[in-house]
Protein backbone atom coordinates (compact mmCIF):
# COMPACT_ATOMS: atom_id res chain seq x y z
CA MET A 1 24.94 143.74 44.88
CA SER A 2 23.30 142.45 41.70
CA ILE A 3 22.87 144.45 38.51
CA GLU A 4 19.11 144.58 39.14
CA ASP A 5 19.73 146.15 42.56
CA ILE A 6 22.11 148.71 41.07
CA ILE A 7 19.60 149.66 38.37
CA THR A 8 16.72 149.85 40.85
CA GLU A 9 18.75 151.98 43.24
CA SER A 10 19.79 154.29 40.41
CA LEU A 11 16.20 154.66 39.23
CA GLU A 12 15.04 155.45 42.77
CA ASN A 13 17.76 158.08 43.18
CA ASP A 14 16.94 159.68 39.83
CA ASN A 15 13.22 159.75 40.63
CA LEU A 16 13.95 161.33 44.01
CA GLN A 17 16.04 164.03 42.33
CA LEU A 18 13.25 164.69 39.84
CA GLN A 19 10.73 165.01 42.68
CA ASN A 20 13.02 167.47 44.42
CA MET A 21 13.38 169.45 41.19
CA SER A 22 9.63 169.56 40.59
CA GLY A 23 9.15 171.09 44.04
CA GLN A 24 11.54 173.99 43.40
CA LYS A 25 9.96 177.34 42.70
CA TYR A 26 12.02 177.88 39.51
CA VAL A 27 10.64 174.71 37.99
CA GLN A 28 7.06 175.28 39.14
CA THR A 29 6.95 178.79 37.71
CA ASN A 30 8.34 177.71 34.35
CA PRO A 31 5.95 175.44 32.40
CA MET A 32 8.73 174.31 30.08
CA PHE A 33 10.84 172.99 32.99
CA LEU A 34 7.80 171.51 34.69
CA ASP A 35 6.86 169.62 31.50
CA ALA A 36 10.43 168.34 31.09
CA VAL A 37 10.54 167.08 34.68
CA ALA A 38 7.11 165.43 34.31
CA LYS A 39 8.24 163.78 31.07
CA TRP A 40 11.39 162.40 32.73
CA GLN A 41 9.37 161.14 35.70
CA LYS A 42 7.03 159.33 33.31
CA ASN A 43 9.94 157.91 31.29
CA LEU A 44 11.78 156.66 34.39
CA GLY A 45 8.55 155.17 35.75
CA THR A 46 8.14 153.30 32.47
CA VAL A 47 11.76 152.11 32.65
CA ASP A 48 11.16 150.77 36.13
CA SER A 49 7.96 148.90 35.21
CA VAL A 50 9.35 147.57 31.90
CA LEU A 51 12.58 146.30 33.50
CA SER A 52 10.62 144.68 36.31
CA CYS A 53 8.29 142.97 33.85
CA TRP A 54 11.24 141.99 31.62
CA MET A 55 13.02 140.32 34.53
CA ASP A 56 9.83 138.48 35.52
CA VAL A 57 9.40 137.27 31.93
CA GLN A 58 13.03 136.15 31.79
CA LYS A 59 12.78 134.22 35.08
CA LYS A 60 9.56 132.47 34.08
CA TRP A 61 10.86 131.77 30.57
CA GLN A 62 14.05 130.23 31.99
CA ALA A 63 12.07 128.05 34.37
CA LEU A 64 9.63 126.84 31.71
CA GLU A 65 11.93 126.52 28.69
CA SER A 66 13.51 123.20 29.64
CA ILE A 67 10.13 121.81 30.66
CA PHE A 68 8.25 122.68 27.48
CA ILE A 69 11.12 122.34 25.00
CA GLY A 70 12.89 119.38 26.56
CA SER A 71 10.01 117.16 27.63
CA ALA A 72 8.15 115.13 25.04
CA ASP A 73 5.80 113.96 27.80
CA ILE A 74 4.70 117.53 28.57
CA ARG A 75 4.29 118.32 24.87
CA VAL A 76 1.94 115.33 24.49
CA GLN A 77 -0.04 115.98 27.67
CA LEU A 78 -0.31 119.76 27.26
CA PRO A 79 -0.40 120.36 23.48
CA GLU A 80 -2.15 123.75 23.61
CA ASP A 81 0.18 125.08 26.28
CA SER A 82 3.18 123.71 24.38
CA LYS A 83 2.09 125.66 21.30
CA ARG A 84 1.53 128.71 23.49
CA PHE A 85 5.04 128.36 24.91
CA ASP A 86 6.51 127.89 21.42
CA ALA A 87 5.02 131.24 20.40
CA ILE A 88 6.29 132.91 23.58
CA ASN A 89 9.70 131.32 23.08
CA ALA A 90 9.99 132.68 19.54
CA ASP A 91 8.83 136.14 20.65
CA PHE A 92 11.18 136.20 23.65
CA GLN A 93 14.17 135.08 21.61
CA ASP A 94 13.39 137.77 19.02
CA LEU A 95 13.15 140.36 21.80
CA MET A 96 16.48 139.30 23.29
CA ARG A 97 18.17 139.15 19.87
CA ASN A 98 17.09 142.73 19.12
CA ALA A 99 17.66 144.13 22.64
CA PRO A 100 21.31 145.16 22.07
CA ASP A 101 20.29 147.32 19.07
CA ILE A 102 19.10 150.12 21.38
CA THR A 103 21.80 150.84 23.95
CA ASN A 104 20.01 153.64 25.82
CA VAL A 105 17.86 152.03 28.52
CA VAL A 106 15.32 154.87 28.53
CA ASP A 107 14.83 154.58 24.78
CA ALA A 108 14.75 150.78 24.89
CA CYS A 109 12.13 150.65 27.64
CA ASN A 110 10.00 153.44 26.20
CA LEU A 111 9.95 151.85 22.75
CA GLU A 112 6.39 151.80 21.45
CA GLY A 113 4.68 148.53 22.33
CA ARG A 114 7.57 147.18 24.42
CA GLN A 115 5.71 147.20 27.74
CA GLU A 116 2.55 145.67 26.24
CA ARG A 117 4.61 142.99 24.50
CA LEU A 118 6.33 142.01 27.75
CA GLU A 119 3.09 142.07 29.75
CA ASN A 120 1.48 139.82 27.14
CA MET A 121 4.42 137.40 27.32
CA LEU A 122 4.19 137.39 31.11
CA SER A 123 0.47 136.64 31.11
CA GLN A 124 0.95 133.83 28.57
CA LEU A 125 3.83 132.38 30.61
CA GLU A 126 1.62 132.45 33.70
CA ILE A 127 -1.02 130.47 31.78
CA CYS A 128 1.63 127.87 30.89
CA GLU A 129 2.82 127.81 34.49
CA LYS A 130 -0.75 127.32 35.72
CA ALA A 131 -1.27 124.42 33.28
CA LEU A 132 1.83 122.71 34.69
CA GLN A 133 0.57 123.24 38.24
CA VAL A 134 -2.83 121.77 37.37
CA ARG A 135 -1.10 118.80 35.72
CA ALA A 136 1.07 118.25 38.80
CA CYS A 137 -1.92 118.51 41.15
CA ARG A 138 -3.88 115.99 39.10
CA ARG A 139 -1.00 113.56 39.15
CA TRP A 140 -0.50 113.91 42.91
CA ARG A 141 -4.22 113.60 43.60
CA LEU A 142 -4.12 110.37 41.64
CA VAL A 143 -1.12 109.19 43.65
CA ALA A 144 -2.98 110.05 46.85
CA LEU A 145 -5.79 107.73 45.77
CA PHE A 146 -3.37 104.83 45.99
CA LEU A 147 -1.84 105.67 49.37
CA ASP A 148 -2.84 103.50 52.29
CA PRO A 149 -5.24 105.61 54.42
CA THR A 150 -4.55 103.45 57.49
CA ASP A 151 -0.85 104.38 57.42
CA PRO A 152 -0.45 106.73 60.44
CA ARG A 153 2.71 108.41 59.10
CA PRO A 154 2.24 111.92 57.62
CA HIS A 155 2.80 111.61 53.87
CA GLY A 156 5.43 113.89 52.39
CA VAL A 157 6.38 115.61 55.66
CA THR A 158 9.93 114.33 55.75
CA SER A 159 12.06 113.03 52.93
CA ASP A 160 13.13 109.88 54.78
CA ILE A 161 9.56 108.62 55.19
CA THR A 162 8.12 106.81 52.20
CA PRO A 163 4.34 106.45 52.32
CA LYS A 164 2.97 102.93 52.31
CA LEU A 165 1.44 102.34 48.89
CA LEU A 166 -1.39 99.99 48.07
CA LEU A 167 0.15 99.41 44.61
CA PRO A 168 3.80 98.89 43.67
CA PRO A 169 5.47 102.17 42.58
CA CYS A 170 6.31 100.92 39.08
CA LEU A 171 2.64 100.12 38.45
CA LEU A 172 1.53 103.37 40.07
CA TRP A 173 3.67 105.63 37.86
CA GLY A 174 2.67 103.78 34.71
CA LEU A 175 -0.95 104.13 35.79
CA CYS A 176 -0.50 107.86 36.49
CA ASN A 177 0.73 108.51 32.97
CA HIS A 178 -2.18 106.67 31.38
CA VAL A 179 -4.96 107.82 33.69
CA PHE A 180 -3.88 111.44 33.37
CA VAL A 181 -4.37 111.32 29.63
CA LEU A 182 -7.74 109.63 30.00
CA THR A 183 -9.12 111.92 32.73
CA ARG A 184 -7.87 115.26 31.42
CA ASP A 185 -10.59 117.95 31.31
């Protein structure tokens, strides 16, 4: 069982206990207890959504970091998205550097602006991810232009079948790199 599963299970159990408490007549008749239970339900709900968003940000950041930081080709072809990722990278590293300062998970997740900050990072990472997908689609559409349409074999269905190209592969890949830059929207 992963740490995420343990945390999720614990949050679900705690929320279930809070729901059971809120249904008891002693809590419902006492506004102070009812407010405390409602506050804890809200706090635990925030913890759940912040941790979920945080893990999504971390997974996307990990997947995109080596692409945007380690590839000069990507930085040249997607300059705006590279700058966007640089800003996200700095923000994410700052977030992770400061994360151990608050050891209580409820306090850390309910920190003012934390959820909005993570949601913003996630949306910006999704924009970077989309730009990479568009780039890949453009490159493969260009490759498809140079495939032999009379070749009856299904292209890309199995790894042991290489499509019959009208141009030599070395010329095709060089052409892809140059045409992509010239035809970019």
